[in-house]
Amino acid sequence: MPASAGGGSKLSVAAAPLSIEDWSELIEAFRDYKLLSGEIKDSTWERVYRHHMKHALGAIAMPAPPQNAKQLLEGLAKIWADKPGGRTRQIQMQCTTALLR
């Protein structure tokens, strides 16, 4: 039975990694969403989110960039390894997780 008929194996196609430009656009769209939805004010973006999104872009721009969300979050956690349970680390993870949703 052909795969399209529902009884065969499923083909999977590996998605190409996003470029730093793609991630920048994604972050800008995330910013627009947060502001237009009323979830945050522009001052909150500037004071909180912008800083953490720069860290996310930095992790993505590494010579061996993360290949999935788990690797991205693990890489970001390493930035704050000296502050386990710290509030800044918590906010980094929360902001990045919200971006990935």
N, C-alpha and C. Protein backbone atom coordinates (compact mmCIF):
# COMPACT_ATOMS: atom_id res chain seq x y z
N MET A 1 0.85 -1.17 0.00
CA MET A 1 0.00 0.00 0.00
C MET A 1 0.89 1.23 0.00
N PRO A 2 0.63 2.24 -0.81
CA PRO A 2 1.45 3.44 -0.84
C PRO A 2 1.37 4.20 0.48
N ALA A 3 2.46 4.90 0.79
CA ALA A 3 2.52 5.66 2.04
C ALA A 3 1.41 6.69 2.13
N SER A 4 1.01 7.26 1.00
CA SER A 4 -0.03 8.28 1.02
C SER A 4 -1.40 7.70 1.32
N ALA A 5 -1.55 6.38 1.21
CA ALA A 5 -2.83 5.76 1.47
C ALA A 5 -3.01 5.47 2.96
N GLY A 6 -2.03 5.77 3.77
CA GLY A 6 -2.18 5.66 5.21
C GLY A 6 -1.61 4.39 5.80
N GLY A 7 -1.14 3.43 5.00
CA GLY A 7 -0.68 2.19 5.58
C GLY A 7 0.82 2.00 5.56
N GLY A 8 1.54 2.86 4.90
CA GLY A 8 2.98 2.67 4.76
C GLY A 8 3.78 3.50 5.73
N SER A 9 5.08 3.44 5.51
CA SER A 9 5.96 4.21 6.37
C SER A 9 5.88 5.69 6.01
N LYS A 10 6.19 6.50 6.98
CA LYS A 10 6.17 7.95 6.76
C LYS A 10 7.56 8.41 6.39
N LEU A 11 7.65 9.28 5.43
CA LEU A 11 8.92 9.87 5.06
C LEU A 11 9.16 11.09 5.94
N SER A 12 10.38 11.25 6.37
CA SER A 12 10.69 12.44 7.13
C SER A 12 11.79 13.20 6.40
N VAL A 13 11.62 14.48 6.37
CA VAL A 13 12.59 15.34 5.72
C VAL A 13 13.20 16.22 6.79
N ALA A 14 14.51 16.18 6.91
CA ALA A 14 15.18 17.01 7.91
C ALA A 14 15.11 18.47 7.47
N ALA A 15 14.68 19.31 8.37
CA ALA A 15 14.60 20.73 8.08
C ALA A 15 16.00 21.32 8.12
N ALA A 16 16.24 22.24 7.21
CA ALA A 16 17.53 22.93 7.20
C ALA A 16 17.60 23.85 8.42
N PRO A 17 18.76 23.95 9.04
CA PRO A 17 18.89 24.85 10.19
C PRO A 17 18.58 26.29 9.79
N LEU A 18 17.99 27.02 10.71
CA LEU A 18 17.70 28.42 10.44
C LEU A 18 18.99 29.23 10.51
N SER A 19 19.09 30.21 9.63
CA SER A 19 20.25 31.10 9.65
C SER A 19 20.07 32.14 10.76
N ILE A 20 21.15 32.83 11.07
CA ILE A 20 21.08 33.89 12.08
C ILE A 20 20.09 34.96 11.66
N GLU A 21 19.98 35.21 10.35
CA GLU A 21 19.01 36.19 9.85
C GLU A 21 17.59 35.70 10.08
N ASP A 22 17.35 34.40 9.88
CA ASP A 22 16.03 33.82 10.14
C ASP A 22 15.67 33.97 11.62
N TRP A 23 16.64 33.69 12.49
CA TRP A 23 16.40 33.81 13.93
C TRP A 23 16.14 35.27 14.30
N SER A 24 16.85 36.20 13.68
CA SER A 24 16.62 37.62 13.95
C SER A 24 15.20 38.02 13.57
N GLU A 25 14.74 37.51 12.42
CA GLU A 25 13.37 37.79 11.98
C GLU A 25 12.36 37.15 12.93
N LEU A 26 12.65 35.95 13.38
CA LEU A 26 11.77 35.27 14.33
C LEU A 26 11.66 36.06 15.63
N ILE A 27 12.78 36.55 16.12
CA ILE A 27 12.78 37.34 17.35
C ILE A 27 12.01 38.64 17.15
N GLU A 28 12.16 39.26 16.00
CA GLU A 28 11.42 40.50 15.72
C GLU A 28 9.91 40.21 15.66
N ALA A 29 9.51 39.11 15.06
CA ALA A 29 8.10 38.73 15.01
C ALA A 29 7.58 38.43 16.42
N PHE A 30 8.42 37.80 17.24
CA PHE A 30 8.06 37.52 18.63
C PHE A 30 7.84 38.82 19.38
N ARG A 31 8.74 39.78 19.18
CA ARG A 31 8.62 41.09 19.81
C ARG A 31 7.31 41.76 19.40
N ASP A 32 7.03 41.76 18.10
CA ASP A 32 5.79 42.36 17.60
C ASP A 32 4.57 41.70 18.24
N TYR A 33 4.59 40.38 18.33
CA TYR A 33 3.47 39.65 18.92
C TYR A 33 3.28 40.06 20.38
N LYS A 34 4.37 40.07 21.16
CA LYS A 34 4.27 40.41 22.58
C LYS A 34 3.73 41.82 22.78
N LEU A 35 4.18 42.75 21.93
CA LEU A 35 3.73 44.14 22.06
C LEU A 35 2.30 44.31 21.59
N LEU A 36 1.96 43.76 20.42
CA LEU A 36 0.62 43.93 19.87
C LEU A 36 -0.45 43.19 20.69
N SER A 37 -0.06 42.10 21.32
CA SER A 37 -1.02 41.35 22.14
C SER A 37 -1.26 42.04 23.48
N GLY A 38 -0.41 42.99 23.81
CA GLY A 38 -0.54 43.68 25.08
C GLY A 38 0.08 42.93 26.25
N GLU A 39 0.78 41.85 25.96
CA GLU A 39 1.41 41.07 27.03
C GLU A 39 2.51 41.87 27.73
N ILE A 40 3.22 42.68 26.95
CA ILE A 40 4.29 43.49 27.53
C ILE A 40 4.27 44.88 26.89
N LYS A 41 4.94 45.81 27.55
CA LYS A 41 5.15 47.15 27.00
C LYS A 41 6.51 47.18 26.32
N ASP A 42 6.71 48.19 25.49
CA ASP A 42 8.00 48.34 24.82
C ASP A 42 9.14 48.46 25.84
N SER A 43 8.86 49.13 26.94
CA SER A 43 9.90 49.28 27.97
C SER A 43 10.28 47.93 28.57
N THR A 44 9.33 47.01 28.68
CA THR A 44 9.62 45.67 29.18
C THR A 44 10.48 44.92 28.19
N TRP A 45 10.18 45.07 26.91
CA TRP A 45 11.03 44.42 25.90
C TRP A 45 12.47 44.92 26.03
N GLU A 46 12.61 46.23 26.11
CA GLU A 46 13.95 46.82 26.17
C GLU A 46 14.68 46.44 27.45
N ARG A 47 13.95 46.40 28.55
CA ARG A 47 14.57 46.16 29.85
C ARG A 47 14.84 44.68 30.11
N VAL A 48 13.99 43.79 29.59
CA VAL A 48 14.09 42.37 29.93
C VAL A 48 14.38 41.51 28.71
N TYR A 49 13.48 41.51 27.75
CA TYR A 49 13.55 40.56 26.65
C TYR A 49 14.74 40.78 25.72
N ARG A 50 15.01 42.03 25.38
CA ARG A 50 16.08 42.32 24.40
C ARG A 50 17.41 41.69 24.84
N HIS A 51 17.74 41.85 26.09
CA HIS A 51 18.98 41.30 26.65
C HIS A 51 19.02 39.78 26.47
N HIS A 52 17.93 39.12 26.79
CA HIS A 52 17.91 37.66 26.72
C HIS A 52 17.85 37.15 25.28
N MET A 53 17.22 37.90 24.40
CA MET A 53 17.19 37.49 22.99
C MET A 53 18.59 37.64 22.37
N LYS A 54 19.38 38.60 22.84
CA LYS A 54 20.77 38.72 22.37
C LYS A 54 21.58 37.49 22.77
N HIS A 55 21.34 36.99 23.97
CA HIS A 55 22.02 35.76 24.40
C HIS A 55 21.60 34.59 23.51
N ALA A 56 20.32 34.51 23.18
CA ALA A 56 19.84 33.42 22.32
C ALA A 56 20.50 33.52 20.94
N LEU A 57 20.57 34.71 20.38
CA LEU A 57 21.24 34.89 19.08
C LEU A 57 22.71 34.53 19.18
N GLY A 58 23.34 34.87 20.28
CA GLY A 58 24.75 34.53 20.47
C GLY A 58 24.96 33.02 20.49
N ALA A 59 24.06 32.30 21.13
CA ALA A 59 24.17 30.84 21.18
C ALA A 59 23.98 30.23 19.80
N ILE A 60 23.10 30.83 19.03
CA ILE A 60 22.80 30.32 17.68
C ILE A 60 23.94 30.64 16.72
N ALA A 61 24.68 31.71 16.97
CA ALA A 61 25.75 32.12 16.08
C ALA A 61 27.08 31.41 16.36
N MET A 62 27.09 30.50 17.29
CA MET A 62 28.32 29.77 17.63
C MET A 62 28.79 28.95 16.43
N PRO A 63 30.08 28.62 16.37
CA PRO A 63 30.60 27.81 15.25
C PRO A 63 29.87 26.46 15.11
N ALA A 64 29.48 25.88 16.23
CA ALA A 64 28.68 24.65 16.22
C ALA A 64 27.33 24.98 16.85
N PRO A 65 26.41 25.57 16.06
CA PRO A 65 25.14 26.03 16.63
C PRO A 65 24.26 24.87 17.10
N PRO A 66 23.35 25.15 18.01
CA PRO A 66 22.44 24.11 18.47
C PRO A 66 21.57 23.62 17.31
N GLN A 67 21.28 22.34 17.32
CA GLN A 67 20.49 21.74 16.24
C GLN A 67 19.02 21.58 16.60
N ASN A 68 18.68 21.83 17.86
CA ASN A 68 17.29 21.73 18.28
C ASN A 68 17.07 22.60 19.51
N ALA A 69 15.82 22.67 19.93
CA ALA A 69 15.47 23.54 21.06
C ALA A 69 16.17 23.11 22.34
N LYS A 70 16.27 21.81 22.57
CA LYS A 70 16.91 21.32 23.79
C LYS A 70 18.37 21.77 23.85
N GLN A 71 19.08 21.66 22.73
CA GLN A 71 20.48 22.08 22.70
C GLN A 71 20.61 23.59 22.91
N LEU A 72 19.68 24.35 22.35
CA LEU A 72 19.70 25.80 22.54
C LEU A 72 19.53 26.13 24.02
N LEU A 73 18.56 25.53 24.66
CA LEU A 73 18.31 25.80 26.07
C LEU A 73 19.47 25.33 26.95
N GLU A 74 20.05 24.20 26.61
CA GLU A 74 21.22 23.71 27.37
C GLU A 74 22.39 24.67 27.23
N GLY A 75 22.61 25.18 26.01
CA GLY A 75 23.69 26.14 25.79
C GLY A 75 23.48 27.42 26.56
N LEU A 76 22.24 27.89 26.60
CA LEU A 76 21.94 29.10 27.35
C LEU A 76 22.09 28.88 28.85
N ALA A 77 21.74 27.70 29.31
CA ALA A 77 21.89 27.39 30.74
C ALA A 77 23.35 27.46 31.15
N LYS A 78 24.26 27.12 30.23
CA LYS A 78 25.69 27.16 30.54
C LYS A 78 26.17 28.59 30.79
N ILE A 79 25.53 29.56 30.14
CA ILE A 79 25.90 30.96 30.35
C ILE A 79 25.71 31.33 31.82
N TRP A 80 24.68 30.78 32.40
CA TRP A 80 24.32 31.11 33.78
C TRP A 80 24.70 30.00 34.76
N ALA A 81 25.64 29.14 34.37
CA ALA A 81 26.01 27.99 35.21
C ALA A 81 26.52 28.40 36.59
N ASP A 82 27.10 29.57 36.68
CA ASP A 82 27.62 30.02 37.97
C ASP A 82 26.52 30.58 38.88
N LYS A 83 25.28 30.63 38.35
CA LYS A 83 24.16 31.17 39.13
C LYS A 83 22.97 30.20 39.08
N PRO A 84 23.15 28.96 39.54
CA PRO A 84 22.05 28.01 39.49
C PRO A 84 20.87 28.52 40.32
N GLY A 85 19.69 28.46 39.73
CA GLY A 85 18.50 28.92 40.44
C GLY A 85 18.37 30.43 40.49
N GLY A 86 19.32 31.15 39.88
CA GLY A 86 19.27 32.61 39.89
C GLY A 86 18.11 33.15 39.07
N ARG A 87 17.62 34.29 39.47
CA ARG A 87 16.47 34.88 38.79
C ARG A 87 16.78 35.22 37.33
N THR A 88 17.96 35.71 37.05
CA THR A 88 18.31 36.05 35.66
C THR A 88 18.32 34.81 34.80
N ARG A 89 18.84 33.72 35.32
CA ARG A 89 18.83 32.45 34.59
C ARG A 89 17.40 31.99 34.33
N GLN A 90 16.55 32.11 35.33
CA GLN A 90 15.14 31.72 35.17
C GLN A 90 14.48 32.54 34.07
N ILE A 91 14.72 33.83 34.08
CA ILE A 91 14.12 34.71 33.06
C ILE A 91 14.65 34.36 31.68
N GLN A 92 15.95 34.06 31.57
CA GLN A 92 16.52 33.66 30.27
C GLN A 92 15.78 32.44 29.73
N MET A 93 15.61 31.45 30.56
CA MET A 93 14.94 30.21 30.12
C MET A 93 13.48 30.48 29.78
N GLN A 94 12.80 31.30 30.57
CA GLN A 94 11.40 31.62 30.31
C GLN A 94 11.24 32.37 28.99
N CYS A 95 12.07 33.38 28.78
CA CYS A 95 11.98 34.17 27.54
C CYS A 95 12.28 33.32 26.31
N THR A 96 13.31 32.51 26.40
CA THR A 96 13.68 31.69 25.26
C THR A 96 12.64 30.62 24.99
N THR A 97 12.11 30.02 26.04
CA THR A 97 11.06 29.02 25.88
C THR A 97 9.83 29.64 25.24
N ALA A 98 9.47 30.85 25.65
CA ALA A 98 8.32 31.54 25.04
C ALA A 98 8.57 31.78 23.55
N LEU A 99 9.79 32.14 23.20
CA LEU A 99 10.14 32.33 21.78
C LEU A 99 9.95 31.05 20.99
N LEU A 100 10.32 29.94 21.58
CA LEU A 100 10.29 28.65 20.87
C LEU A 100 8.88 28.07 20.75
N ARG A 101 7.94 28.56 21.53
CA ARG A 101 6.57 28.02 21.47
C ARG A 101 5.86 28.37 20.22
